[in-house]
Amino acid sequence: MTPRKIAANYLFLPGRPLLRAAYAVVEDGRVAGVVDTGGLLRELPRMEFYGGLLVDAAACDGVDWRPGDDILARLRERYACGVTGALALVEGADLARFRWLPSTRVTRLR
C-alpha cells in the first residue's frame, strides 16, 4: 500500500515543534514520518491537504474543550499521557492565536 501524505496549515505532533505547512507520511493508519517544508508547501502527487491543525487523534479524546482554550497548551498536556499515531484535524479554530472557538471541531482522519 502506498503511504499517504497528509498536509495542513499547521502540524503539531508529540515530540515535535509546531510546524507550518508541513505534512505527515502515514502508513497503516499511523504516522511514519513528518516532513518540515520550512513553511513552503508545494503540491505533490497524491498529497491530501486539509485546512486546519493536524494533531494526534488520541490527544483530543475526552477533552472538554471550552471557547478560549489554548489549543497547543492543552495538547502538550495530553501528549504526555500517550499517543496513538493516528491523526485528527482541528478545524474552525483561531489559528492566529491557537484558541478554541465555539465553532471549532475535531475530526479523526481515516
PDB file of N, CA and C in Angstrom:
ATOM      1  N   MET A   1       0.832  -1.178   0.000  1.00  0.00           N
ATOM      2  CA  MET A   1       0.000   0.000   0.000  1.00  0.00           C
ATOM      3  C   MET A   1       0.884   1.251   0.000  1.00  0.00           C
ATOM      4  N   THR A   2       0.531   2.224  -0.807  1.00  0.00           N
ATOM      5  CA  THR A   2       1.282   3.472  -0.911  1.00  0.00           C
ATOM      6  C   THR A   2       1.041   4.348   0.319  1.00  0.00           C
ATOM      7  N   PRO A   3       2.095   4.873   0.925  1.00  0.00           N
ATOM      8  CA  PRO A   3       1.907   5.761   2.078  1.00  0.00           C
ATOM      9  C   PRO A   3       1.105   7.005   1.677  1.00  0.00           C
ATOM     10  N   ARG A   4       0.314   7.500   2.614  1.00  0.00           N
ATOM     11  CA  ARG A   4      -0.439   8.736   2.396  1.00  0.00           C
ATOM     12  C   ARG A   4       0.430   9.918   2.817  1.00  0.00           C
ATOM     13  N   LYS A   5       0.277  11.030   2.136  1.00  0.00           N
ATOM     14  CA  LYS A   5       0.921  12.290   2.509  1.00  0.00           C
ATOM     15  C   LYS A   5      -0.222  13.229   2.881  1.00  0.00           C
ATOM     16  N   ILE A   6      -0.291  13.602   4.157  1.00  0.00           N
ATOM     17  CA  ILE A   6      -1.387  14.431   4.638  1.00  0.00           C
ATOM     18  C   ILE A   6      -0.816  15.745   5.142  1.00  0.00           C
ATOM     19  N   ALA A   7      -1.238  16.832   4.497  1.00  0.00           N
ATOM     20  CA  ALA A   7      -0.736  18.169   4.813  1.00  0.00           C
ATOM     21  C   ALA A   7      -1.852  19.027   5.388  1.00  0.00           C
ATOM     22  N   ALA A   8      -1.444  20.059   6.114  1.00  0.00           N
ATOM     23  CA  ALA A   8      -2.401  21.020   6.667  1.00  0.00           C
ATOM     24  C   ALA A   8      -1.683  22.348   6.877  1.00  0.00           C
ATOM     25  N   ASN A   9      -2.473  23.349   7.246  1.00  0.00           N
ATOM     26  CA  ASN A   9      -1.881  24.656   7.541  1.00  0.00           C
ATOM     27  C   ASN A   9      -0.813  24.538   8.623  1.00  0.00           C
ATOM     28  N   TYR A  10      -1.137  23.742   9.660  1.00  0.00           N
ATOM     29  CA  TYR A  10      -0.211  23.526  10.766  1.00  0.00           C
ATOM     30  C   TYR A  10      -0.234  22.056  11.153  1.00  0.00           C
ATOM     31  N   LEU A  11       0.894  21.613  11.697  1.00  0.00           N
ATOM     32  CA  LEU A  11       1.017  20.243  12.169  1.00  0.00           C
ATOM     33  C   LEU A  11       1.662  20.301  13.548  1.00  0.00           C
ATOM     34  N   PHE A  12       1.026  19.676  14.533  1.00  0.00           N
ATOM     35  CA  PHE A  12       1.555  19.664  15.899  1.00  0.00           C
ATOM     36  C   PHE A  12       1.412  18.259  16.453  1.00  0.00           C
ATOM     37  N   LEU A  13       2.525  17.546  16.493  1.00  0.00           N
ATOM     38  CA  LEU A  13       2.531  16.147  16.933  1.00  0.00           C
ATOM     39  C   LEU A  13       3.501  15.975  18.096  1.00  0.00           C
ATOM     40  N   PRO A  14       3.302  14.929  18.900  1.00  0.00           N
ATOM     41  CA  PRO A  14       4.161  14.701  20.065  1.00  0.00           C
ATOM     42  C   PRO A  14       5.634  14.655  19.695  1.00  0.00           C
ATOM     43  N   GLY A  15       6.437  15.307  20.529  1.00  0.00           N
ATOM     44  CA  GLY A  15       7.878  15.288  20.336  1.00  0.00           C
ATOM     45  C   GLY A  15       8.369  16.165  19.204  1.00  0.00           C
ATOM     46  N   ARG A  16       7.480  16.979  18.644  1.00  0.00           N
ATOM     47  CA  ARG A  16       7.857  17.841  17.519  1.00  0.00           C
ATOM     48  C   ARG A  16       7.383  19.263  17.785  1.00  0.00           C
ATOM     49  N   PRO A  17       8.091  20.231  17.231  1.00  0.00           N
ATOM     50  CA  PRO A  17       7.607  21.609  17.363  1.00  0.00           C
ATOM     51  C   PRO A  17       6.395  21.829  16.459  1.00  0.00           C
ATOM     52  N   LEU A  18       5.709  22.905  16.675  1.00  0.00           N
ATOM     53  CA  LEU A  18       4.622  23.315  15.788  1.00  0.00           C
ATOM     54  C   LEU A  18       5.232  23.617  14.422  1.00  0.00           C
ATOM     55  N   LEU A  19       4.687  23.008  13.377  1.00  0.00           N
ATOM     56  CA  LEU A  19       5.198  23.226  12.022  1.00  0.00           C
ATOM     57  C   LEU A  19       4.118  23.862  11.167  1.00  0.00           C
ATOM     58  N   ARG A  20       4.509  24.798  10.340  1.00  0.00           N
ATOM     59  CA  ARG A  20       3.592  25.454   9.412  1.00  0.00           C
ATOM     60  C   ARG A  20       3.753  24.819   8.043  1.00  0.00           C
ATOM     61  N   ALA A  21       2.625  24.506   7.398  1.00  0.00           N
ATOM     62  CA  ALA A  21       2.614  23.959   6.036  1.00  0.00           C
ATOM     63  C   ALA A  21       3.524  22.737   5.919  1.00  0.00           C
ATOM     64  N   ALA A  22       3.361  21.814   6.829  1.00  0.00           N
ATOM     65  CA  ALA A  22       4.137  20.569   6.824  1.00  0.00           C
ATOM     66  C   ALA A  22       3.198  19.421   6.462  1.00  0.00           C
ATOM     67  N   TYR A  23       3.775  18.233   6.313  1.00  0.00           N
ATOM     68  CA  TYR A  23       2.909  17.085   6.076  1.00  0.00           C
ATOM     69  C   TYR A  23       3.428  15.846   6.781  1.00  0.00           C
ATOM     70  N   ALA A  24       2.481  14.965   7.076  1.00  0.00           N
ATOM     71  CA  ALA A  24       2.786  13.692   7.720  1.00  0.00           C
ATOM     72  C   ALA A  24       2.714  12.590   6.676  1.00  0.00           C
ATOM     73  N   VAL A  25       3.603  11.632   6.795  1.00  0.00           N
ATOM     74  CA  VAL A  25       3.569  10.436   5.967  1.00  0.00           C
ATOM     75  C   VAL A  25       2.926   9.354   6.832  1.00  0.00           C
ATOM     76  N   VAL A  26       1.820   8.802   6.340  1.00  0.00           N
ATOM     77  CA  VAL A  26       1.040   7.841   7.122  1.00  0.00           C
ATOM     78  C   VAL A  26       1.072   6.476   6.438  1.00  0.00           C
ATOM     79  N   GLU A  27       1.459   5.464   7.214  1.00  0.00           N
ATOM     80  CA  GLU A  27       1.471   4.081   6.740  1.00  0.00           C
ATOM     81  C   GLU A  27       0.684   3.230   7.723  1.00  0.00           C
ATOM     82  N   ASP A  28      -0.201   2.419   7.217  1.00  0.00           N
ATOM     83  CA  ASP A  28      -1.020   1.538   8.048  1.00  0.00           C
ATOM     84  C   ASP A  28      -1.756   2.307   9.146  1.00  0.00           C
ATOM     85  N   GLY A  29      -2.214   3.514   8.829  1.00  0.00           N
ATOM     86  CA  GLY A  29      -3.009   4.303   9.762  1.00  0.00           C
ATOM     87  C   GLY A  29      -2.232   5.008  10.853  1.00  0.00           C
ATOM     88  N   ARG A  30      -0.903   4.954  10.792  1.00  0.00           N
ATOM     89  CA  ARG A  30      -0.068   5.597  11.814  1.00  0.00           C
ATOM     90  C   ARG A  30       0.969   6.503  11.154  1.00  0.00           C
ATOM     91  N   VAL A  31       1.350   7.538  11.868  1.00  0.00           N
ATOM     92  CA  VAL A  31       2.347   8.474  11.348  1.00  0.00           C
ATOM     93  C   VAL A  31       3.702   7.777  11.319  1.00  0.00           C
ATOM     94  N   ALA A  32       4.271   7.689  10.116  1.00  0.00           N
ATOM     95  CA  ALA A  32       5.575   7.060   9.935  1.00  0.00           C
ATOM     96  C   ALA A  32       6.682   8.108   9.844  1.00  0.00           C
ATOM     97  N   GLY A  33       6.309   9.344   9.560  1.00  0.00           N
ATOM     98  CA  GLY A  33       7.288  10.413   9.453  1.00  0.00           C
ATOM     99  C   GLY A  33       6.613  11.746   9.244  1.00  0.00           C
ATOM    100  N   VAL A  34       7.390  12.797   9.418  1.00  0.00           N
ATOM    101  CA  VAL A  34       6.902  14.162   9.233  1.00  0.00           C
ATOM    102  C   VAL A  34       7.896  14.895   8.351  1.00  0.00           C
ATOM    103  N   VAL A  35       7.377  15.670   7.402  1.00  0.00           N
ATOM    104  CA  VAL A  35       8.239  16.456   6.521  1.00  0.00           C
ATOM    105  C   VAL A  35       8.008  17.932   6.821  1.00  0.00           C
ATOM    106  N   ASP A  36       9.073  18.598   7.276  1.00  0.00           N
ATOM    107  CA  ASP A  36       9.044  20.033   7.544  1.00  0.00           C
ATOM    108  C   ASP A  36       9.435  20.732   6.254  1.00  0.00           C
ATOM    109  N   THR A  37       8.510  21.440   5.657  1.00  0.00           N
ATOM    110  CA  THR A  37       8.752  22.110   4.380  1.00  0.00           C
ATOM    111  C   THR A  37       9.332  23.505   4.557  1.00  0.00           C
ATOM    112  N   GLY A  38       9.545  23.894   5.802  1.00  0.00           N
ATOM    113  CA  GLY A  38      10.015  25.252   6.048  1.00  0.00           C
ATOM    114  C   GLY A  38       8.922  26.278   5.800  1.00  0.00           C
ATOM    115  N   GLY A  39       7.688  25.820   5.798  1.00  0.00           N
ATOM    116  CA  GLY A  39       6.560  26.720   5.583  1.00  0.00           C
ATOM    117  C   GLY A  39       6.216  26.942   4.124  1.00  0.00           C
ATOM    118  N   LEU A  40       6.927  26.259   3.228  1.00  0.00           N
ATOM    119  CA  LEU A  40       6.706  26.413   1.794  1.00  0.00           C
ATOM    120  C   LEU A  40       6.225  25.096   1.201  1.00  0.00           C
ATOM    121  N   LEU A  41       4.977  24.803   1.416  1.00  0.00           N
ATOM    122  CA  LEU A  41       4.401  23.556   0.944  1.00  0.00           C
ATOM    123  C   LEU A  41       4.138  23.639  -0.549  1.00  0.00           C
ATOM    124  N   ARG A  42       4.622  22.643  -1.268  1.00  0.00           N
ATOM    125  CA  ARG A  42       4.302  22.582  -2.692  1.00  0.00           C
ATOM    126  C   ARG A  42       3.502  21.319  -2.943  1.00  0.00           C
ATOM    127  N   GLU A  43       2.683  21.381  -3.927  1.00  0.00           N
ATOM    128  CA  GLU A  43       1.804  20.262  -4.241  1.00  0.00           C
ATOM    129  C   GLU A  43       2.623  19.073  -4.729  1.00  0.00           C
ATOM    130  N   LEU A  44       2.303  17.907  -4.189  1.00  0.00           N
ATOM    131  CA  LEU A  44       2.955  16.668  -4.584  1.00  0.00           C
ATOM    132  C   LEU A  44       1.887  15.686  -5.044  1.00  0.00           C
ATOM    133  N   PRO A  45       2.243  14.754  -5.904  1.00  0.00           N
ATOM    134  CA  PRO A  45       1.265  13.758  -6.336  1.00  0.00           C
ATOM    135  C   PRO A  45       0.669  13.020  -5.134  1.00  0.00           C
ATOM    136  N   ARG A  46      -0.632  12.854  -5.155  1.00  0.00           N
ATOM    137  CA  ARG A  46      -1.365  12.104  -4.140  1.00  0.00           C
ATOM    138  C   ARG A  46      -1.308  12.713  -2.749  1.00  0.00           C
ATOM    139  N   MET A  47      -0.995  14.000  -2.645  1.00  0.00           N
ATOM    140  CA  MET A  47      -0.994  14.658  -1.346  1.00  0.00           C
ATOM    141  C   MET A  47      -2.407  15.121  -1.019  1.00  0.00           C
ATOM    142  N   GLU A  48      -2.813  14.903   0.225  1.00  0.00           N
ATOM    143  CA  GLU A  48      -4.103  15.383   0.713  1.00  0.00           C
ATOM    144  C   GLU A  48      -3.831  16.644   1.532  1.00  0.00           C
ATOM    145  N   PHE A  49      -4.612  17.698   1.313  1.00  0.00           N
ATOM    146  CA  PHE A  49      -4.438  18.925   2.093  1.00  0.00           C
ATOM    147  C   PHE A  49      -5.720  19.234   2.837  1.00  0.00           C
ATOM    148  N   TYR A  50      -5.571  19.574   4.119  1.00  0.00           N
ATOM    149  CA  TYR A  50      -6.707  19.942   4.959  1.00  0.00           C
ATOM    150  C   TYR A  50      -6.437  21.306   5.591  1.00  0.00           C
ATOM    151  N   GLY A  51      -7.456  22.125   5.639  1.00  0.00           N
ATOM    152  CA  GLY A  51      -7.341  23.424   6.291  1.00  0.00           C
ATOM    153  C   GLY A  51      -7.528  23.267   7.789  1.00  0.00           C
ATOM    154  N   GLY A  52      -6.495  23.550   8.543  1.00  0.00           N
ATOM    155  CA  GLY A  52      -6.596  23.434   9.990  1.00  0.00           C
ATOM    156  C   GLY A  52      -5.281  22.989  10.600  1.00  0.00           C
ATOM    157  N   LEU A  53      -5.386  22.306  11.734  1.00  0.00           N
ATOM    158  CA  LEU A  53      -4.241  21.876  12.525  1.00  0.00           C
ATOM    159  C   LEU A  53      -4.278  20.358  12.658  1.00  0.00           C
ATOM    160  N   LEU A  54      -3.257  19.668  12.149  1.00  0.00           N
ATOM    161  CA  LEU A  54      -3.154  18.210  12.304  1.00  0.00           C
ATOM    162  C   LEU A  54      -2.551  17.900  13.666  1.00  0.00           C
ATOM    163  N   VAL A  55      -3.195  16.985  14.391  1.00  0.00           N
ATOM    164  CA  VAL A  55      -2.753  16.603  15.736  1.00  0.00           C
ATOM    165  C   VAL A  55      -2.881  15.097  15.901  1.00  0.00           C
ATOM    166  N   ASP A  56      -2.349  14.573  17.004  1.00  0.00           N
ATOM    167  CA  ASP A  56      -2.549  13.170  17.322  1.00  0.00           C
ATOM    168  C   ASP A  56      -3.992  12.981  17.776  1.00  0.00           C
ATOM    169  N   ALA A  57      -4.668  12.008  17.199  1.00  0.00           N
ATOM    170  CA  ALA A  57      -6.095  11.813  17.456  1.00  0.00           C
ATOM    171  C   ALA A  57      -6.404  11.518  18.919  1.00  0.00           C
ATOM    172  N   ALA A  58      -5.597  10.703  19.573  1.00  0.00           N
ATOM    173  CA  ALA A  58      -5.876  10.313  20.956  1.00  0.00           C
ATOM    174  C   ALA A  58      -5.823  11.498  21.903  1.00  0.00           C
ATOM    175  N   ALA A  59      -5.044  12.512  21.556  1.00  0.00           N
ATOM    176  CA  ALA A  59      -4.904  13.671  22.431  1.00  0.00           C
ATOM    177  C   ALA A  59      -6.207  14.450  22.569  1.00  0.00           C
ATOM    178  N   CYS A  60      -7.095  14.309  21.622  1.00  0.00           N
ATOM    179  CA  CYS A  60      -8.356  15.056  21.654  1.00  0.00           C
ATOM    180  C   CYS A  60      -9.502  14.260  22.269  1.00  0.00           C
ATOM    181  N   ASP A  61      -9.288  12.967  22.489  1.00  0.00           N
ATOM    182  CA  ASP A  61     -10.346  12.123  23.056  1.00  0.00           C
ATOM    183  C   ASP A  61     -10.676  12.548  24.472  1.00  0.00           C
ATOM    184  N   GLY A  62     -11.935  12.765  24.741  1.00  0.00           N
ATOM    185  CA  GLY A  62     -12.395  13.059  26.093  1.00  0.00           C
ATOM    186  C   GLY A  62     -12.054  14.441  26.618  1.00  0.00           C
ATOM    187  N   VAL A  63     -11.550  15.319  25.780  1.00  0.00           N
ATOM    188  CA  VAL A  63     -11.218  16.674  26.232  1.00  0.00           C
ATOM    189  C   VAL A  63     -12.486  17.523  26.227  1.00  0.00           C
ATOM    190  N   ASP A  64     -12.706  18.218  27.315  1.00  0.00           N
ATOM    191  CA  ASP A  64     -13.835  19.140  27.415  1.00  0.00           C
ATOM    192  C   ASP A  64     -13.332  20.520  26.973  1.00  0.00           C
ATOM    193  N   TRP A  65     -13.343  20.736  25.668  1.00  0.00           N
ATOM    194  CA  TRP A  65     -12.850  21.992  25.109  1.00  0.00           C
ATOM    195  C   TRP A  65     -13.824  23.122  25.426  1.00  0.00           C
ATOM    196  N   ARG A  66     -13.288  24.287  25.733  1.00  0.00           N
ATOM    197  CA  ARG A  66     -14.107  25.468  26.002  1.00  0.00           C
ATOM    198  C   ARG A  66     -13.587  26.632  25.162  1.00  0.00           C
ATOM    199  N   PRO A  67     -14.495  27.508  24.722  1.00  0.00           N
ATOM    200  CA  PRO A  67     -14.048  28.671  23.949  1.00  0.00           C
ATOM    201  C   PRO A  67     -12.945  29.427  24.695  1.00  0.00           C
ATOM    202  N   GLY A  68     -11.906  29.775  23.950  1.00  0.00           N
ATOM    203  CA  GLY A  68     -10.773  30.496  24.516  1.00  0.00           C
ATOM    204  C   GLY A  68      -9.636  29.609  24.972  1.00  0.00           C
ATOM    205  N   ASP A  69      -9.857  28.282  25.048  1.00  0.00           N
ATOM    206  CA  ASP A  69      -8.779  27.373  25.455  1.00  0.00           C
ATOM    207  C   ASP A  69      -7.575  27.525  24.542  1.00  0.00           C
ATOM    208  N   ASP A  70      -6.385  27.460  25.127  1.00  0.00           N
ATOM    209  CA  ASP A  70      -5.130  27.460  24.378  1.00  0.00           C
ATOM    210  C   ASP A  70      -4.930  26.034  23.857  1.00  0.00           C
ATOM    211  N   ILE A  71      -5.138  25.845  22.581  1.00  0.00           N
ATOM    212  CA  ILE A  71      -5.111  24.502  21.991  1.00  0.00           C
ATOM    213  C   ILE A  71      -3.751  23.839  22.166  1.00  0.00           C
ATOM    214  N   LEU A  72      -2.678  24.563  21.896  1.00  0.00           N
ATOM    215  CA  LEU A  72      -1.348  23.954  21.975  1.00  0.00           C
ATOM    216  C   LEU A  72      -0.998  23.560  23.405  1.00  0.00           C
ATOM    217  N   ALA A  73      -1.353  24.383  24.375  1.00  0.00           N
ATOM    218  CA  ALA A  73      -1.065  24.056  25.776  1.00  0.00           C
ATOM    219  C   ALA A  73      -1.837  22.811  26.203  1.00  0.00           C
ATOM    220  N   ARG A  74      -3.112  22.724  25.835  1.00  0.00           N
ATOM    221  CA  ARG A  74      -3.918  21.551  26.197  1.00  0.00           C
ATOM    222  C   ARG A  74      -3.356  20.293  25.535  1.00  0.00           C
ATOM    223  N   LEU A  75      -2.925  20.414  24.278  1.00  0.00           N
ATOM    224  CA  LEU A  75      -2.367  19.254  23.591  1.00  0.00           C
ATOM    225  C   LEU A  75      -1.045  18.815  24.210  1.00  0.00           C
ATOM    226  N   ARG A  76      -0.204  19.765  24.603  1.00  0.00           N
ATOM    227  CA  ARG A  76       1.067  19.406  25.247  1.00  0.00           C
ATOM    228  C   ARG A  76       0.807  18.564  26.495  1.00  0.00           C
ATOM    229  N   GLU A  77      -0.187  18.945  27.284  1.00  0.00           N
ATOM    230  CA  GLU A  77      -0.558  18.173  28.477  1.00  0.00           C
ATOM    231  C   GLU A  77      -0.979  16.757  28.085  1.00  0.00           C
ATOM    232  N   ARG A  78      -1.782  16.653  27.061  1.00  0.00           N
ATOM    233  CA  ARG A  78      -2.317  15.363  26.622  1.00  0.00           C
ATOM    234  C   ARG A  78      -1.231  14.481  26.004  1.00  0.00           C
ATOM    235  N   TYR A  79      -0.270  15.093  25.319  1.00  0.00           N
ATOM    236  CA  TYR A  79       0.782  14.311  24.675  1.00  0.00           C
ATOM    237  C   TYR A  79       1.643  13.584  25.707  1.00  0.00           C
ATOM    238  N   ALA A  80       1.701  14.091  26.907  1.00  0.00           N
ATOM    239  CA  ALA A  80       2.476  13.432  27.967  1.00  0.00           C
ATOM    240  C   ALA A  80       1.808  12.137  28.420  1.00  0.00           C
ATOM    241  N   CYS A  81       0.531  11.951  28.082  1.00  0.00           N
ATOM    242  CA  CYS A  81      -0.238  10.781  28.538  1.00  0.00           C
ATOM    243  C   CYS A  81      -0.251   9.641  27.533  1.00  0.00           C
ATOM    244  N   GLY A  82       0.404   9.782  26.415  1.00  0.00           N
ATOM    245  CA  GLY A  82       0.410   8.715  25.418  1.00  0.00           C
ATOM    246  C   GLY A  82      -0.300   9.124  24.144  1.00  0.00           C
ATOM    247  N   VAL A  83       0.073   8.478  23.066  1.00  0.00           N
ATOM    248  CA  VAL A  83      -0.439   8.835  21.752  1.00  0.00           C
ATOM    249  C   VAL A  83      -0.758   7.577  20.959  1.00  0.00           C
ATOM    250  N   THR A  84      -1.500   7.743  19.887  1.00  0.00           N
ATOM    251  CA  THR A  84      -1.868   6.607  19.050  1.00  0.00           C
ATOM    252  C   THR A  84      -1.108   6.571  17.737  1.00  0.00           C
ATOM    253  N   GLY A  85      -0.669   7.730  17.271  1.00  0.00           N
ATOM    254  CA  GLY A  85      -0.043   7.795  15.963  1.00  0.00           C
ATOM    255  C   GLY A  85      -1.050   8.037  14.864  1.00  0.00           C
ATOM    256  N   ALA A  86      -2.348   7.986  15.198  1.00  0.00           N
ATOM    257  CA  ALA A  86      -3.388   8.317  14.228  1.00  0.00           C
ATOM    258  C   ALA A  86      -3.586   9.836  14.225  1.00  0.00           C
ATOM    259  N   LEU A  87      -4.114  10.365  13.130  1.00  0.00           N
ATOM    260  CA  LEU A  87      -4.259  11.811  13.005  1.00  0.00           C
ATOM    261  C   LEU A  87      -5.697  12.277  13.156  1.00  0.00           C
ATOM    262  N   ALA A  88      -5.817  13.506  13.642  1.00  0.00           N
ATOM    263  CA  ALA A  88      -7.100  14.197  13.686  1.00  0.00           C
ATOM    264  C   ALA A  88      -6.854  15.615  13.190  1.00  0.00           C
ATOM    265  N   LEU A  89      -7.923  16.254  12.751  1.00  0.00           N
ATOM    266  CA  LEU A  89      -7.844  17.610  12.245  1.00  0.00           C
ATOM    267  C   LEU A  89      -8.681  18.521  13.126  1.00  0.00           C
ATOM    268  N   VAL A  90      -8.060  19.582  13.623  1.00  0.00           N
ATOM    269  CA  VAL A  90      -8.768  20.624  14.362  1.00  0.00           C
ATOM    270  C   VAL A  90      -9.129  21.688  13.335  1.00  0.00           C
ATOM    271  N   GLU A  91     -10.437  21.888  13.136  1.00  0.00           N
ATOM    272  CA  GLU A  91     -10.930  22.833  12.130  1.00  0.00           C
ATOM    273  C   GLU A  91     -11.725  23.945  12.799  1.00  0.00           C
ATOM    274  N   GLY A  92     -11.679  25.117  12.205  1.00  0.00           N
ATOM    275  CA  GLY A  92     -12.502  26.226  12.664  1.00  0.00           C
ATOM    276  C   GLY A  92     -11.974  26.933  13.891  1.00  0.00           C
ATOM    277  N   ALA A  93     -10.731  26.673  14.281  1.00  0.00           N
ATOM    278  CA  ALA A  93     -10.120  27.335  15.429  1.00  0.00           C
ATOM    279  C   ALA A  93      -9.504  28.661  15.001  1.00  0.00           C
ATOM    280  N   ASP A  94      -9.185  29.495  15.963  1.00  0.00           N
ATOM    281  CA  ASP A  94      -8.442  30.722  15.706  1.00  0.00           C
ATOM    282  C   ASP A  94      -6.975  30.307  15.594  1.00  0.00           C
ATOM    283  N   LEU A  95      -6.499  30.088  14.386  1.00  0.00           N
ATOM    284  CA  LEU A  95      -5.130  29.614  14.190  1.00  0.00           C
ATOM    285  C   LEU A  95      -4.094  30.720  14.281  1.00  0.00           C
ATOM    286  N   ALA A  96      -4.514  31.964  14.340  1.00  0.00           N
ATOM    287  CA  ALA A  96      -3.564  33.050  14.567  1.00  0.00           C
ATOM    288  C   ALA A  96      -3.102  33.037  16.028  1.00  0.00           C
ATOM    289  N   ARG A  97      -4.007  32.607  16.921  1.00  0.00           N
ATOM    290  CA  ARG A  97      -3.706  32.567  18.357  1.00  0.00           C
ATOM    291  C   ARG A  97      -3.797  31.151  18.932  1.00  0.00           C
ATOM    292  N   PHE A  98      -4.184  30.187  18.109  1.00  0.00           N
ATOM    293  CA  PHE A  98      -4.376  28.797  18.522  1.00  0.00           C
ATOM    294  C   PHE A  98      -5.337  28.708  19.713  1.00  0.00           C
ATOM    295  N   ARG A  99      -6.481  29.346  19.514  1.00  0.00           N
ATOM    296  CA  ARG A  99      -7.543  29.349  20.531  1.00  0.00           C
ATOM    297  C   ARG A  99      -8.757  28.596  20.015  1.00  0.00           C
ATOM    298  N   TRP A 100      -9.410  27.905  20.918  1.00  0.00           N
ATOM    299  CA  TRP A 100     -10.632  27.165  20.624  1.00  0.00           C
ATOM    300  C   TRP A 100     -11.784  28.151  20.509  1.00  0.00           C
ATOM    301  N   LEU A 101     -12.591  28.008  19.480  1.00  0.00           N
ATOM    302  CA  LEU A 101     -13.773  28.837  19.267  1.00  0.00           C
ATOM    303  C   LEU A 101     -15.030  27.976  19.395  1.00  0.00           C
ATOM    304  N   PRO A 102     -16.191  28.593  19.589  1.00  0.00           N
ATOM    305  CA  PRO A 102     -17.419  27.797  19.674  1.00  0.00           C
ATOM    306  C   PRO A 102     -17.664  26.925  18.439  1.00  0.00           C
ATOM    307  N   SER A 103     -17.171  27.351  17.287  1.00  0.00           N
ATOM    308  CA  SER A 103     -17.395  26.588  16.048  1.00  0.00           C
ATOM    309  C   SER A 103     -16.296  25.569  15.749  1.00  0.00           C
ATOM    310  N   THR A 104     -15.291  25.467  16.609  1.00  0.00           N
ATOM    311  CA  THR A 104     -14.180  24.544  16.386  1.00  0.00           C
ATOM    312  C   THR A 104     -14.639  23.101  16.576  1.00  0.00           C
ATOM    313  N   ARG A 105     -14.085  22.225  15.743  1.00  0.00           N
ATOM    314  CA  ARG A 105     -14.408  20.804  15.854  1.00  0.00           C
ATOM    315  C   ARG A 105     -13.151  19.976  15.546  1.00  0.00           C
ATOM    316  N   VAL A 106     -13.190  18.739  16.013  1.00  0.00           N
ATOM    317  CA  VAL A 106     -12.094  17.795  15.781  1.00  0.00           C
ATOM    318  C   VAL A 106     -12.645  16.633  14.963  1.00  0.00           C
ATOM    319  N   THR A 107     -11.956  16.306  13.876  1.00  0.00           N
ATOM    320  CA  THR A 107     -12.365  15.207  13.015  1.00  0.00           C
ATOM    321  C   THR A 107     -11.206  14.226  12.886  1.00  0.00           C
ATOM    322  N   ARG A 108     -11.470  12.963  13.221  1.00  0.00           N
ATOM    323  CA  ARG A 108     -10.441  11.928  13.017  1.00  0.00           C
ATOM    324  C   ARG A 108     -10.297  11.668  11.524  1.00  0.00           C
ATOM    325  N   LEU A 109      -9.064  11.565  11.070  1.00  0.00           N
ATOM    326  CA  LEU A 109      -8.826  11.249   9.663  1.00  0.00           C
ATOM    327  C   LEU A 109      -8.720   9.736   9.517  1.00  0.00           C
ATOM    328  N   ARG A 110      -9.329   9.229   8.498  1.00  0.00           N
ATOM    329  CA  ARG A 110      -9.325   7.784   8.269  1.00  0.00           C
ATOM    330  C   ARG A 110      -8.360   7.426   7.179  1.00  0.00           C
TER     331      ARG A 110
END
